[in-house]
Amino acid sequence: MGTSTRIDREQAPCGRTVDGRRHLDEDQHGYSFDHVTYDCGCERFRRQYHDGGVQVRVVDHHGKVRVHEQSSTHEA
């Protein structure tokens, strides 16, 4: 089961310092999901999968994707 917490005065992807909400969910087998939604509308996602792969996505409040990275232990 995940947890949601309030965050205070953190720098959002757009550069503003705003409040927001963090949702963290993880299991006992290596999967985790961290999603931050800022009050300005920006979002930051980070997923770590059971195989060790990681996906990071950062979107500003205008909908522009600032970061989209994905790695996998299966990549050559």
N, C-alpha and C. Protein backbone atom coordinates (compact mmCIF):
# COMPACT_ATOMS: atom_id res chain seq x y z
N MET A 1 0.84 -1.18 0.00
CA MET A 1 0.00 0.00 0.00
C MET A 1 0.88 1.24 0.00
N GLY A 2 0.50 2.25 -0.73
CA GLY A 2 1.27 3.47 -0.86
C GLY A 2 0.98 4.48 0.22
N THR A 3 1.87 5.46 0.29
CA THR A 3 1.68 6.56 1.23
C THR A 3 1.71 7.88 0.48
N SER A 4 0.90 8.82 0.92
CA SER A 4 0.91 10.17 0.36
C SER A 4 1.27 11.14 1.47
N THR A 5 2.17 12.06 1.14
CA THR A 5 2.58 13.07 2.11
C THR A 5 2.63 14.43 1.45
N ARG A 6 2.46 15.44 2.23
CA ARG A 6 2.55 16.83 1.77
C ARG A 6 4.01 17.24 1.77
N ILE A 7 4.45 17.97 0.76
CA ILE A 7 5.80 18.51 0.76
C ILE A 7 5.70 20.04 0.78
N ASP A 8 6.63 20.65 1.47
CA ASP A 8 6.62 22.11 1.63
C ASP A 8 7.83 22.72 0.95
N ARG A 9 7.57 23.72 0.14
CA ARG A 9 8.59 24.58 -0.44
C ARG A 9 9.75 23.79 -1.05
N GLU A 10 9.44 23.07 -2.11
CA GLU A 10 10.45 22.34 -2.87
C GLU A 10 10.51 22.94 -4.27
N GLN A 11 11.68 22.92 -4.87
CA GLN A 11 11.82 23.48 -6.21
C GLN A 11 11.19 22.54 -7.23
N ALA A 12 10.22 23.06 -7.96
CA ALA A 12 9.54 22.33 -9.02
C ALA A 12 10.38 22.36 -10.30
N PRO A 13 10.09 21.49 -11.26
CA PRO A 13 10.83 21.48 -12.52
C PRO A 13 10.85 22.82 -13.26
N CYS A 14 9.84 23.67 -13.05
CA CYS A 14 9.79 24.97 -13.71
C CYS A 14 10.69 26.01 -13.04
N GLY A 15 11.24 25.66 -11.87
CA GLY A 15 12.11 26.58 -11.14
C GLY A 15 11.44 27.28 -9.97
N ARG A 16 10.13 27.23 -9.91
CA ARG A 16 9.42 27.85 -8.79
C ARG A 16 9.60 27.02 -7.52
N THR A 17 9.56 27.66 -6.38
CA THR A 17 9.57 26.96 -5.10
C THR A 17 8.13 26.94 -4.60
N VAL A 18 7.56 25.74 -4.57
CA VAL A 18 6.14 25.58 -4.25
C VAL A 18 5.93 24.36 -3.35
N ASP A 19 4.73 24.23 -2.83
CA ASP A 19 4.32 23.06 -2.07
C ASP A 19 3.85 21.99 -3.06
N GLY A 20 3.56 20.82 -2.54
CA GLY A 20 3.08 19.76 -3.40
C GLY A 20 2.70 18.53 -2.61
N ARG A 21 2.58 17.42 -3.30
CA ARG A 21 2.20 16.15 -2.69
C ARG A 21 3.04 15.04 -3.31
N ARG A 22 3.53 14.15 -2.45
CA ARG A 22 4.33 13.01 -2.89
C ARG A 22 3.57 11.72 -2.59
N HIS A 23 3.51 10.85 -3.59
CA HIS A 23 2.92 9.53 -3.40
C HIS A 23 4.01 8.50 -3.64
N LEU A 24 4.25 7.65 -2.66
CA LEU A 24 5.28 6.63 -2.75
C LEU A 24 4.64 5.27 -2.55
N ASP A 25 4.93 4.36 -3.46
CA ASP A 25 4.40 3.00 -3.37
C ASP A 25 5.55 2.04 -3.69
N GLU A 26 5.72 1.00 -2.91
CA GLU A 26 6.77 0.03 -3.17
C GLU A 26 6.35 -1.33 -2.65
N ASP A 27 6.95 -2.36 -3.22
CA ASP A 27 6.67 -3.71 -2.73
C ASP A 27 7.94 -4.34 -2.20
N GLN A 28 7.85 -5.55 -1.75
CA GLN A 28 8.99 -6.25 -1.14
C GLN A 28 9.93 -6.87 -2.17
N HIS A 29 9.65 -6.69 -3.46
CA HIS A 29 10.40 -7.36 -4.50
C HIS A 29 11.21 -6.42 -5.39
N GLY A 30 11.37 -5.16 -4.99
CA GLY A 30 12.21 -4.23 -5.73
C GLY A 30 11.48 -3.20 -6.56
N TYR A 31 10.15 -3.26 -6.63
CA TYR A 31 9.39 -2.26 -7.39
C TYR A 31 9.12 -1.04 -6.50
N SER A 32 9.32 0.14 -7.05
CA SER A 32 8.93 1.36 -6.33
C SER A 32 8.41 2.39 -7.33
N PHE A 33 7.48 3.21 -6.88
CA PHE A 33 6.87 4.26 -7.68
C PHE A 33 6.83 5.51 -6.83
N ASP A 34 7.48 6.57 -7.28
CA ASP A 34 7.52 7.85 -6.57
C ASP A 34 6.96 8.90 -7.51
N HIS A 35 5.86 9.53 -7.13
CA HIS A 35 5.19 10.53 -7.96
C HIS A 35 5.00 11.79 -7.14
N VAL A 36 5.57 12.89 -7.63
CA VAL A 36 5.42 14.19 -6.96
C VAL A 36 4.60 15.10 -7.87
N THR A 37 3.54 15.68 -7.31
CA THR A 37 2.72 16.66 -8.01
C THR A 37 2.89 17.98 -7.29
N TYR A 38 3.37 18.99 -8.00
CA TYR A 38 3.59 20.31 -7.41
C TYR A 38 2.36 21.17 -7.57
N ASP A 39 2.16 22.10 -6.66
CA ASP A 39 0.98 22.98 -6.71
C ASP A 39 0.93 23.84 -7.97
N CYS A 40 2.06 24.05 -8.63
CA CYS A 40 2.08 24.83 -9.87
C CYS A 40 1.62 23.99 -11.07
N GLY A 41 1.54 22.66 -10.89
CA GLY A 41 1.12 21.78 -11.96
C GLY A 41 2.21 20.89 -12.53
N CYS A 42 3.45 21.13 -12.14
CA CYS A 42 4.55 20.28 -12.59
C CYS A 42 4.44 18.90 -11.93
N GLU A 43 5.07 17.90 -12.57
CA GLU A 43 5.07 16.55 -12.02
C GLU A 43 6.43 15.89 -12.22
N ARG A 44 6.76 14.99 -11.31
CA ARG A 44 7.99 14.21 -11.39
C ARG A 44 7.63 12.76 -11.04
N PHE A 45 7.99 11.83 -11.93
CA PHE A 45 7.73 10.41 -11.73
C PHE A 45 9.04 9.66 -11.71
N ARG A 46 9.15 8.67 -10.85
CA ARG A 46 10.29 7.76 -10.86
C ARG A 46 9.79 6.36 -10.54
N ARG A 47 10.05 5.43 -11.45
CA ARG A 47 9.67 4.04 -11.24
C ARG A 47 10.93 3.19 -11.28
N GLN A 48 11.04 2.28 -10.32
CA GLN A 48 12.10 1.29 -10.36
C GLN A 48 11.42 -0.07 -10.43
N TYR A 49 11.79 -0.84 -11.44
CA TYR A 49 11.14 -2.13 -11.69
C TYR A 49 11.89 -3.27 -11.02
N HIS A 50 11.23 -4.41 -10.95
CA HIS A 50 11.79 -5.59 -10.30
C HIS A 50 13.13 -6.02 -10.90
N ASP A 51 13.32 -5.79 -12.20
CA ASP A 51 14.57 -6.19 -12.86
C ASP A 51 15.69 -5.17 -12.69
N GLY A 52 15.43 -4.09 -11.94
CA GLY A 52 16.43 -3.06 -11.72
C GLY A 52 16.34 -1.89 -12.68
N GLY A 53 15.50 -1.99 -13.70
CA GLY A 53 15.31 -0.90 -14.64
C GLY A 53 14.67 0.30 -13.95
N VAL A 54 14.98 1.49 -14.45
CA VAL A 54 14.46 2.73 -13.86
C VAL A 54 13.89 3.60 -14.96
N GLN A 55 12.76 4.23 -14.67
CA GLN A 55 12.15 5.20 -15.58
C GLN A 55 11.95 6.50 -14.81
N VAL A 56 12.42 7.61 -15.40
CA VAL A 56 12.25 8.93 -14.80
C VAL A 56 11.58 9.82 -15.83
N ARG A 57 10.56 10.54 -15.40
CA ARG A 57 9.86 11.47 -16.30
C ARG A 57 9.53 12.73 -15.51
N VAL A 58 9.90 13.88 -16.07
CA VAL A 58 9.65 15.18 -15.45
C VAL A 58 8.89 16.03 -16.45
N VAL A 59 7.74 16.57 -16.01
CA VAL A 59 6.88 17.36 -16.88
C VAL A 59 6.59 18.69 -16.18
N ASP A 60 6.79 19.81 -16.90
CA ASP A 60 6.48 21.11 -16.28
C ASP A 60 4.98 21.41 -16.37
N HIS A 61 4.57 22.50 -15.76
CA HIS A 61 3.14 22.82 -15.68
C HIS A 61 2.54 23.25 -17.01
N HIS A 62 3.36 23.40 -18.04
CA HIS A 62 2.86 23.69 -19.39
C HIS A 62 2.68 22.40 -20.20
N GLY A 63 3.04 21.26 -19.59
CA GLY A 63 2.94 19.97 -20.27
C GLY A 63 4.18 19.58 -21.04
N LYS A 64 5.24 20.39 -20.96
CA LYS A 64 6.49 20.09 -21.66
C LYS A 64 7.28 19.03 -20.88
N VAL A 65 7.66 17.96 -21.58
CA VAL A 65 8.47 16.93 -20.97
C VAL A 65 9.90 17.44 -20.88
N ARG A 66 10.40 17.57 -19.69
CA ARG A 66 11.76 18.08 -19.47
C ARG A 66 12.77 16.95 -19.40
N VAL A 67 12.37 15.82 -18.86
CA VAL A 67 13.25 14.66 -18.75
C VAL A 67 12.41 13.42 -19.01
N HIS A 68 12.93 12.53 -19.83
CA HIS A 68 12.34 11.22 -20.01
C HIS A 68 13.50 10.24 -20.22
N GLU A 69 13.83 9.52 -19.17
CA GLU A 69 14.94 8.60 -19.21
C GLU A 69 14.44 7.22 -18.82
N GLN A 70 14.97 6.22 -19.48
CA GLN A 70 14.59 4.85 -19.15
C GLN A 70 15.83 3.99 -19.28
N SER A 71 16.09 3.18 -18.27
CA SER A 71 17.19 2.24 -18.33
C SER A 71 16.68 0.87 -17.94
N SER A 72 17.34 -0.13 -18.39
CA SER A 72 16.94 -1.50 -18.09
C SER A 72 18.18 -2.34 -17.98
N THR A 73 18.13 -3.34 -17.14
CA THR A 73 19.25 -4.26 -17.03
C THR A 73 19.35 -5.13 -18.28
N HIS A 74 18.32 -5.09 -19.15
CA HIS A 74 18.31 -5.89 -20.37
C HIS A 74 18.84 -5.12 -21.58
N GLU A 75 19.17 -3.84 -21.43
CA GLU A 75 19.68 -3.05 -22.55
C GLU A 75 21.09 -3.50 -22.88
N ALA A 76 21.42 -3.46 -24.15
CA ALA A 76 22.78 -3.85 -24.56
C ALA A 76 23.66 -2.63 -24.69
